């Protein structure tokens, strides 16, 4: 099972996919569509002219994505397999607090038995 997280740093739109059984490319397409739907499509304010960017992809695990800072296009992000680790990665060396914007799992039901 695959998952992916996309993020637009300018307007902070987040898109994700989880438990995608078709593969990593399908998970990326699904997450990108989710980010665009959340308002993070093409954004000319970003330096490279692009909106949503792939932040993380994962398979058969859980993932969490944290965002912090207040200024558009600036701030921090962090991802991990656990929410507190994602917050810590986002806040490392920064003066702002981060919050979880996505947390979920992509794993086969058989993995849940352990």
N, C-alpha and C. Protein backbone atom coordinates (compact mmCIF):
# COMPACT_ATOMS: atom_id res chain seq x y z
N UNK A 1 0.85 -1.17 0.00
CA UNK A 1 0.00 0.00 0.00
C UNK A 1 0.89 1.24 0.00
N UNK A 2 0.59 2.18 -0.85
CA UNK A 2 1.42 3.37 -1.01
C UNK A 2 0.67 4.63 -0.57
N UNK A 3 1.44 5.62 -0.19
CA UNK A 3 0.90 6.93 0.16
C UNK A 3 1.87 8.00 -0.29
N UNK A 4 1.36 9.23 -0.41
CA UNK A 4 2.19 10.36 -0.81
C UNK A 4 1.60 11.64 -0.20
N UNK A 5 2.47 12.63 0.00
CA UNK A 5 2.05 13.92 0.54
C UNK A 5 2.60 15.02 -0.37
N UNK A 6 1.72 15.91 -0.80
CA UNK A 6 2.11 17.09 -1.57
C UNK A 6 1.80 18.33 -0.75
N UNK A 7 2.56 19.40 -1.00
CA UNK A 7 2.41 20.62 -0.22
C UNK A 7 2.74 21.84 -1.08
N UNK A 8 1.95 22.91 -0.95
CA UNK A 8 2.26 24.18 -1.59
C UNK A 8 2.74 25.13 -0.49
N UNK A 9 4.02 25.51 -0.49
CA UNK A 9 4.55 26.35 0.59
C UNK A 9 4.01 27.78 0.59
N UNK A 10 3.46 28.22 -0.52
CA UNK A 10 2.97 29.58 -0.60
C UNK A 10 1.62 29.73 0.10
N UNK A 11 0.67 28.85 -0.23
CA UNK A 11 -0.65 28.97 0.40
C UNK A 11 -0.95 27.84 1.38
N UNK A 12 0.04 26.99 1.60
CA UNK A 12 -0.02 25.93 2.61
C UNK A 12 -1.07 24.85 2.35
N UNK A 13 -1.46 24.68 1.11
CA UNK A 13 -2.39 23.60 0.77
C UNK A 13 -1.65 22.27 0.90
N UNK A 14 -2.34 21.27 1.45
CA UNK A 14 -1.78 19.93 1.61
C UNK A 14 -2.69 18.94 0.90
N UNK A 15 -2.09 18.01 0.20
CA UNK A 15 -2.83 16.93 -0.44
C UNK A 15 -2.15 15.62 -0.12
N UNK A 16 -2.93 14.57 -0.03
CA UNK A 16 -2.34 13.29 0.33
C UNK A 16 -3.12 12.14 -0.30
N UNK A 17 -2.48 11.00 -0.32
CA UNK A 17 -3.14 9.74 -0.67
C UNK A 17 -2.66 8.72 0.34
N UNK A 18 -3.49 7.75 0.61
CA UNK A 18 -3.09 6.67 1.51
C UNK A 18 -3.80 5.39 1.10
N UNK A 19 -3.17 4.28 1.40
CA UNK A 19 -3.69 2.96 1.06
C UNK A 19 -3.97 2.77 -0.42
N UNK A 20 -3.15 3.39 -1.26
CA UNK A 20 -3.28 3.23 -2.70
C UNK A 20 -2.68 1.88 -3.07
N UNK A 21 -3.46 1.03 -3.70
CA UNK A 21 -3.01 -0.32 -4.04
C UNK A 21 -2.46 -0.43 -5.45
N UNK A 22 -2.51 0.67 -6.22
CA UNK A 22 -2.08 0.61 -7.62
C UNK A 22 -0.60 0.91 -7.81
N UNK A 23 0.07 1.47 -6.82
CA UNK A 23 1.50 1.73 -6.94
C UNK A 23 1.87 3.14 -6.57
N UNK A 24 3.19 3.39 -6.52
CA UNK A 24 3.67 4.69 -6.07
C UNK A 24 3.30 5.82 -7.03
N UNK A 25 3.34 5.59 -8.32
CA UNK A 25 2.98 6.64 -9.28
C UNK A 25 1.50 7.01 -9.13
N UNK A 26 0.66 6.04 -8.94
CA UNK A 26 -0.77 6.29 -8.72
C UNK A 26 -0.99 7.07 -7.43
N UNK A 27 -0.24 6.73 -6.38
CA UNK A 27 -0.35 7.44 -5.11
C UNK A 27 0.08 8.89 -5.27
N UNK A 28 1.14 9.14 -6.06
CA UNK A 28 1.58 10.51 -6.30
C UNK A 28 0.52 11.30 -7.07
N UNK A 29 -0.06 10.70 -8.11
CA UNK A 29 -1.10 11.40 -8.88
C UNK A 29 -2.30 11.73 -8.01
N UNK A 30 -2.71 10.78 -7.17
CA UNK A 30 -3.84 11.00 -6.27
C UNK A 30 -3.56 12.12 -5.27
N UNK A 31 -2.36 12.13 -4.70
CA UNK A 31 -2.00 13.16 -3.72
C UNK A 31 -1.89 14.53 -4.39
N UNK A 32 -1.35 14.59 -5.60
CA UNK A 32 -1.25 15.86 -6.32
C UNK A 32 -2.65 16.40 -6.61
N UNK A 33 -3.54 15.55 -7.07
CA UNK A 33 -4.92 15.98 -7.34
C UNK A 33 -5.58 16.49 -6.06
N UNK A 34 -5.31 15.84 -4.94
CA UNK A 34 -5.85 16.26 -3.64
C UNK A 34 -5.31 17.64 -3.25
N UNK A 35 -4.03 17.89 -3.49
CA UNK A 35 -3.42 19.18 -3.17
C UNK A 35 -4.00 20.29 -4.06
N UNK A 36 -4.15 20.01 -5.34
CA UNK A 36 -4.73 21.00 -6.25
C UNK A 36 -6.16 21.32 -5.84
N UNK A 37 -6.93 20.28 -5.49
CA UNK A 37 -8.31 20.47 -5.04
C UNK A 37 -8.37 21.32 -3.76
N UNK A 38 -7.34 21.20 -2.92
CA UNK A 38 -7.28 21.97 -1.67
C UNK A 38 -6.84 23.42 -1.93
N UNK A 39 -6.65 23.78 -3.20
CA UNK A 39 -6.29 25.15 -3.55
C UNK A 39 -4.82 25.37 -3.81
N UNK A 40 -4.04 24.32 -3.92
CA UNK A 40 -2.60 24.47 -4.07
C UNK A 40 -2.06 24.26 -5.46
N UNK A 41 -2.86 24.47 -6.49
CA UNK A 41 -2.41 24.27 -7.87
C UNK A 41 -1.31 25.23 -8.27
N UNK A 42 -1.19 25.50 -9.52
CA UNK A 42 -0.15 26.40 -10.02
C UNK A 42 -0.26 27.74 -9.31
N UNK A 43 0.85 28.21 -8.78
CA UNK A 43 0.84 29.45 -8.02
C UNK A 43 2.02 30.31 -8.46
N UNK A 44 1.79 31.41 -9.18
CA UNK A 44 2.89 32.20 -9.71
C UNK A 44 3.72 32.92 -8.65
N UNK A 45 3.30 32.92 -7.39
CA UNK A 45 4.08 33.57 -6.34
C UNK A 45 5.34 32.76 -6.03
N UNK A 46 5.26 31.44 -6.18
CA UNK A 46 6.42 30.59 -5.91
C UNK A 46 7.53 30.90 -6.92
N UNK A 47 8.78 30.85 -6.51
CA UNK A 47 9.91 31.19 -7.37
C UNK A 47 9.94 30.37 -8.65
N UNK A 48 9.63 29.08 -8.55
CA UNK A 48 9.71 28.25 -9.75
C UNK A 48 8.38 28.19 -10.50
N UNK A 49 7.38 28.94 -10.06
CA UNK A 49 6.11 28.99 -10.76
C UNK A 49 5.23 27.78 -10.54
N UNK A 50 5.64 26.87 -9.67
CA UNK A 50 4.85 25.67 -9.44
C UNK A 50 4.13 25.76 -8.11
N UNK A 51 3.05 25.04 -8.00
CA UNK A 51 2.28 25.04 -6.77
C UNK A 51 2.65 23.87 -5.88
N UNK A 52 1.89 22.82 -5.94
CA UNK A 52 2.08 21.66 -5.07
C UNK A 52 3.37 20.92 -5.41
N UNK A 53 4.10 20.54 -4.35
CA UNK A 53 5.35 19.80 -4.52
C UNK A 53 5.30 18.53 -3.70
N UNK A 54 5.89 17.47 -4.24
CA UNK A 54 5.97 16.21 -3.51
C UNK A 54 6.88 16.40 -2.30
N UNK A 55 6.36 16.10 -1.11
CA UNK A 55 7.15 16.21 0.11
C UNK A 55 7.60 14.84 0.61
N UNK A 56 6.77 13.83 0.42
CA UNK A 56 7.12 12.52 0.96
C UNK A 56 6.24 11.46 0.31
N UNK A 57 6.82 10.29 0.10
CA UNK A 57 6.04 9.13 -0.33
C UNK A 57 6.45 7.96 0.55
N UNK A 58 5.54 7.04 0.76
CA UNK A 58 5.81 5.96 1.69
C UNK A 58 5.03 4.71 1.30
N UNK A 59 5.48 3.59 1.85
CA UNK A 59 4.86 2.30 1.53
C UNK A 59 4.80 1.44 2.78
N UNK A 60 3.61 0.95 3.08
CA UNK A 60 3.37 0.02 4.19
C UNK A 60 3.81 0.54 5.55
N UNK A 61 3.69 1.85 5.77
CA UNK A 61 4.00 2.47 7.05
C UNK A 61 3.03 3.60 7.30
N UNK A 62 3.19 4.24 8.43
CA UNK A 62 2.42 5.44 8.74
C UNK A 62 3.31 6.66 8.48
N UNK A 63 2.68 7.81 8.27
CA UNK A 63 3.43 9.04 8.04
C UNK A 63 2.67 10.20 8.65
N UNK A 64 3.41 11.22 9.06
CA UNK A 64 2.83 12.45 9.59
C UNK A 64 3.58 13.62 8.96
N UNK A 65 2.87 14.71 8.68
CA UNK A 65 3.44 15.88 8.04
C UNK A 65 3.07 17.11 8.86
N UNK A 66 4.07 17.88 9.28
CA UNK A 66 3.85 19.07 10.10
C UNK A 66 4.27 20.32 9.35
N UNK A 67 3.58 21.43 9.62
CA UNK A 67 3.86 22.72 8.98
C UNK A 67 3.91 23.79 10.06
N UNK A 68 4.82 24.74 9.92
CA UNK A 68 4.92 25.83 10.89
C UNK A 68 5.36 27.11 10.25
N UNK A 69 5.33 28.20 11.00
CA UNK A 69 5.68 29.52 10.50
C UNK A 69 4.44 30.22 9.98
N UNK A 70 4.49 31.54 9.91
CA UNK A 70 3.31 32.30 9.52
C UNK A 70 3.43 32.98 8.18
N UNK A 71 4.61 33.30 7.75
CA UNK A 71 4.80 34.06 6.53
C UNK A 71 4.61 33.19 5.31
N UNK A 72 3.85 33.67 4.31
CA UNK A 72 3.61 32.89 3.10
C UNK A 72 4.92 32.54 2.41
N UNK A 73 5.04 31.31 2.01
CA UNK A 73 6.23 30.86 1.31
C UNK A 73 7.42 30.62 2.21
N UNK A 74 7.29 30.94 3.50
CA UNK A 74 8.39 30.72 4.43
C UNK A 74 7.86 29.93 5.62
N UNK A 75 8.74 29.31 6.32
CA UNK A 75 8.33 28.50 7.46
C UNK A 75 9.02 27.16 7.36
N UNK A 76 8.49 26.19 8.04
CA UNK A 76 9.14 24.89 8.06
C UNK A 76 8.15 23.77 7.84
N UNK A 77 8.68 22.65 7.43
CA UNK A 77 7.89 21.44 7.30
C UNK A 77 8.72 20.29 7.85
N UNK A 78 8.06 19.24 8.23
CA UNK A 78 8.74 18.05 8.70
C UNK A 78 7.84 16.85 8.50
N UNK A 79 8.40 15.73 8.23
CA UNK A 79 7.61 14.51 8.11
C UNK A 79 8.33 13.41 8.86
N UNK A 80 7.56 12.42 9.26
CA UNK A 80 8.12 11.29 9.98
C UNK A 80 7.08 10.19 10.01
N UNK A 81 7.44 9.09 10.66
CA UNK A 81 6.50 8.00 10.85
C UNK A 81 5.64 8.20 12.10
N UNK A 82 5.89 9.27 12.84
CA UNK A 82 5.13 9.56 14.05
C UNK A 82 4.91 11.06 14.16
N UNK A 83 3.78 11.46 14.69
CA UNK A 83 3.43 12.88 14.76
C UNK A 83 4.44 13.71 15.53
N UNK A 84 4.86 13.26 16.71
CA UNK A 84 5.79 14.06 17.50
C UNK A 84 7.13 14.21 16.79
N UNK A 85 7.58 13.19 16.10
CA UNK A 85 8.83 13.29 15.35
C UNK A 85 8.69 14.30 14.21
N UNK A 86 7.53 14.33 13.56
CA UNK A 86 7.29 15.28 12.47
C UNK A 86 7.32 16.71 13.00
N UNK A 87 6.69 16.94 14.15
CA UNK A 87 6.71 18.27 14.76
C UNK A 87 8.13 18.66 15.13
N UNK A 88 8.87 17.75 15.73
CA UNK A 88 10.25 18.04 16.12
C UNK A 88 11.11 18.37 14.90
N UNK A 89 10.94 17.63 13.81
CA UNK A 89 11.71 17.89 12.59
C UNK A 89 11.36 19.25 12.01
N UNK A 90 10.11 19.63 12.06
CA UNK A 90 9.65 20.92 11.55
C UNK A 90 10.19 22.08 12.40
N UNK A 91 10.20 21.90 13.70
CA UNK A 91 10.60 22.99 14.61
C UNK A 91 12.10 23.08 14.84
N UNK A 92 12.86 22.11 14.38
CA UNK A 92 14.31 22.08 14.64
C UNK A 92 14.98 23.38 14.20
N UNK A 93 15.58 24.09 15.15
CA UNK A 93 16.30 25.32 14.87
C UNK A 93 15.43 26.51 14.52
N UNK A 94 14.13 26.41 14.72
CA UNK A 94 13.21 27.48 14.36
C UNK A 94 12.61 28.11 15.62
N UNK A 95 12.07 29.30 15.46
CA UNK A 95 11.45 29.98 16.60
C UNK A 95 9.93 29.81 16.62
N UNK A 96 9.38 29.11 15.64
CA UNK A 96 7.93 28.94 15.57
C UNK A 96 7.51 27.53 15.94
N UNK A 97 6.25 27.38 16.23
CA UNK A 97 5.66 26.08 16.54
C UNK A 97 5.06 25.50 15.27
N UNK A 98 5.04 24.18 15.18
CA UNK A 98 4.47 23.50 14.03
C UNK A 98 3.25 22.68 14.46
N UNK A 99 2.38 22.43 13.52
CA UNK A 99 1.20 21.61 13.77
C UNK A 99 1.10 20.53 12.71
N UNK A 100 0.49 19.44 13.07
CA UNK A 100 0.29 18.33 12.14
C UNK A 100 -0.79 18.72 11.13
N UNK A 101 -0.48 18.56 9.84
CA UNK A 101 -1.45 18.84 8.79
C UNK A 101 -1.95 17.56 8.14
N UNK A 102 -1.22 16.46 8.35
CA UNK A 102 -1.66 15.16 7.84
C UNK A 102 -1.04 14.07 8.71
N UNK A 103 -1.81 13.05 8.98
CA UNK A 103 -1.32 11.88 9.69
C UNK A 103 -2.17 10.70 9.25
N UNK A 104 -1.53 9.66 8.76
CA UNK A 104 -2.28 8.49 8.31
C UNK A 104 -1.35 7.33 8.01
N UNK A 105 -1.95 6.21 7.67
CA UNK A 105 -1.19 4.99 7.40
C UNK A 105 -1.57 4.39 6.06
N UNK A 106 -0.58 3.78 5.44
CA UNK A 106 -0.78 3.03 4.21
C UNK A 106 -0.14 1.68 4.41
N UNK A 107 -0.94 0.75 4.85
CA UNK A 107 -0.38 -0.58 5.03
C UNK A 107 -1.47 -1.63 4.87
N UNK A 108 -1.04 -2.75 4.43
CA UNK A 108 -1.94 -3.87 4.20
C UNK A 108 -2.58 -4.28 5.51
N UNK A 109 -3.85 -4.68 5.50
CA UNK A 109 -4.52 -5.07 6.74
C UNK A 109 -3.77 -6.13 7.54
N UNK A 110 -3.02 -7.00 6.87
CA UNK A 110 -2.25 -8.02 7.58
C UNK A 110 -1.19 -7.40 8.49
N UNK A 111 -0.68 -6.23 8.15
CA UNK A 111 0.31 -5.56 8.97
C UNK A 111 -0.28 -5.09 10.30
N UNK A 112 -1.58 -4.84 10.34
CA UNK A 112 -2.23 -4.32 11.52
C UNK A 112 -2.34 -5.36 12.64
N UNK A 113 -2.13 -6.62 12.32
CA UNK A 113 -2.25 -7.67 13.33
C UNK A 113 -1.07 -7.70 14.29
N UNK A 114 0.00 -7.04 13.93
CA UNK A 114 1.23 -7.13 14.75
C UNK A 114 1.39 -5.93 15.62
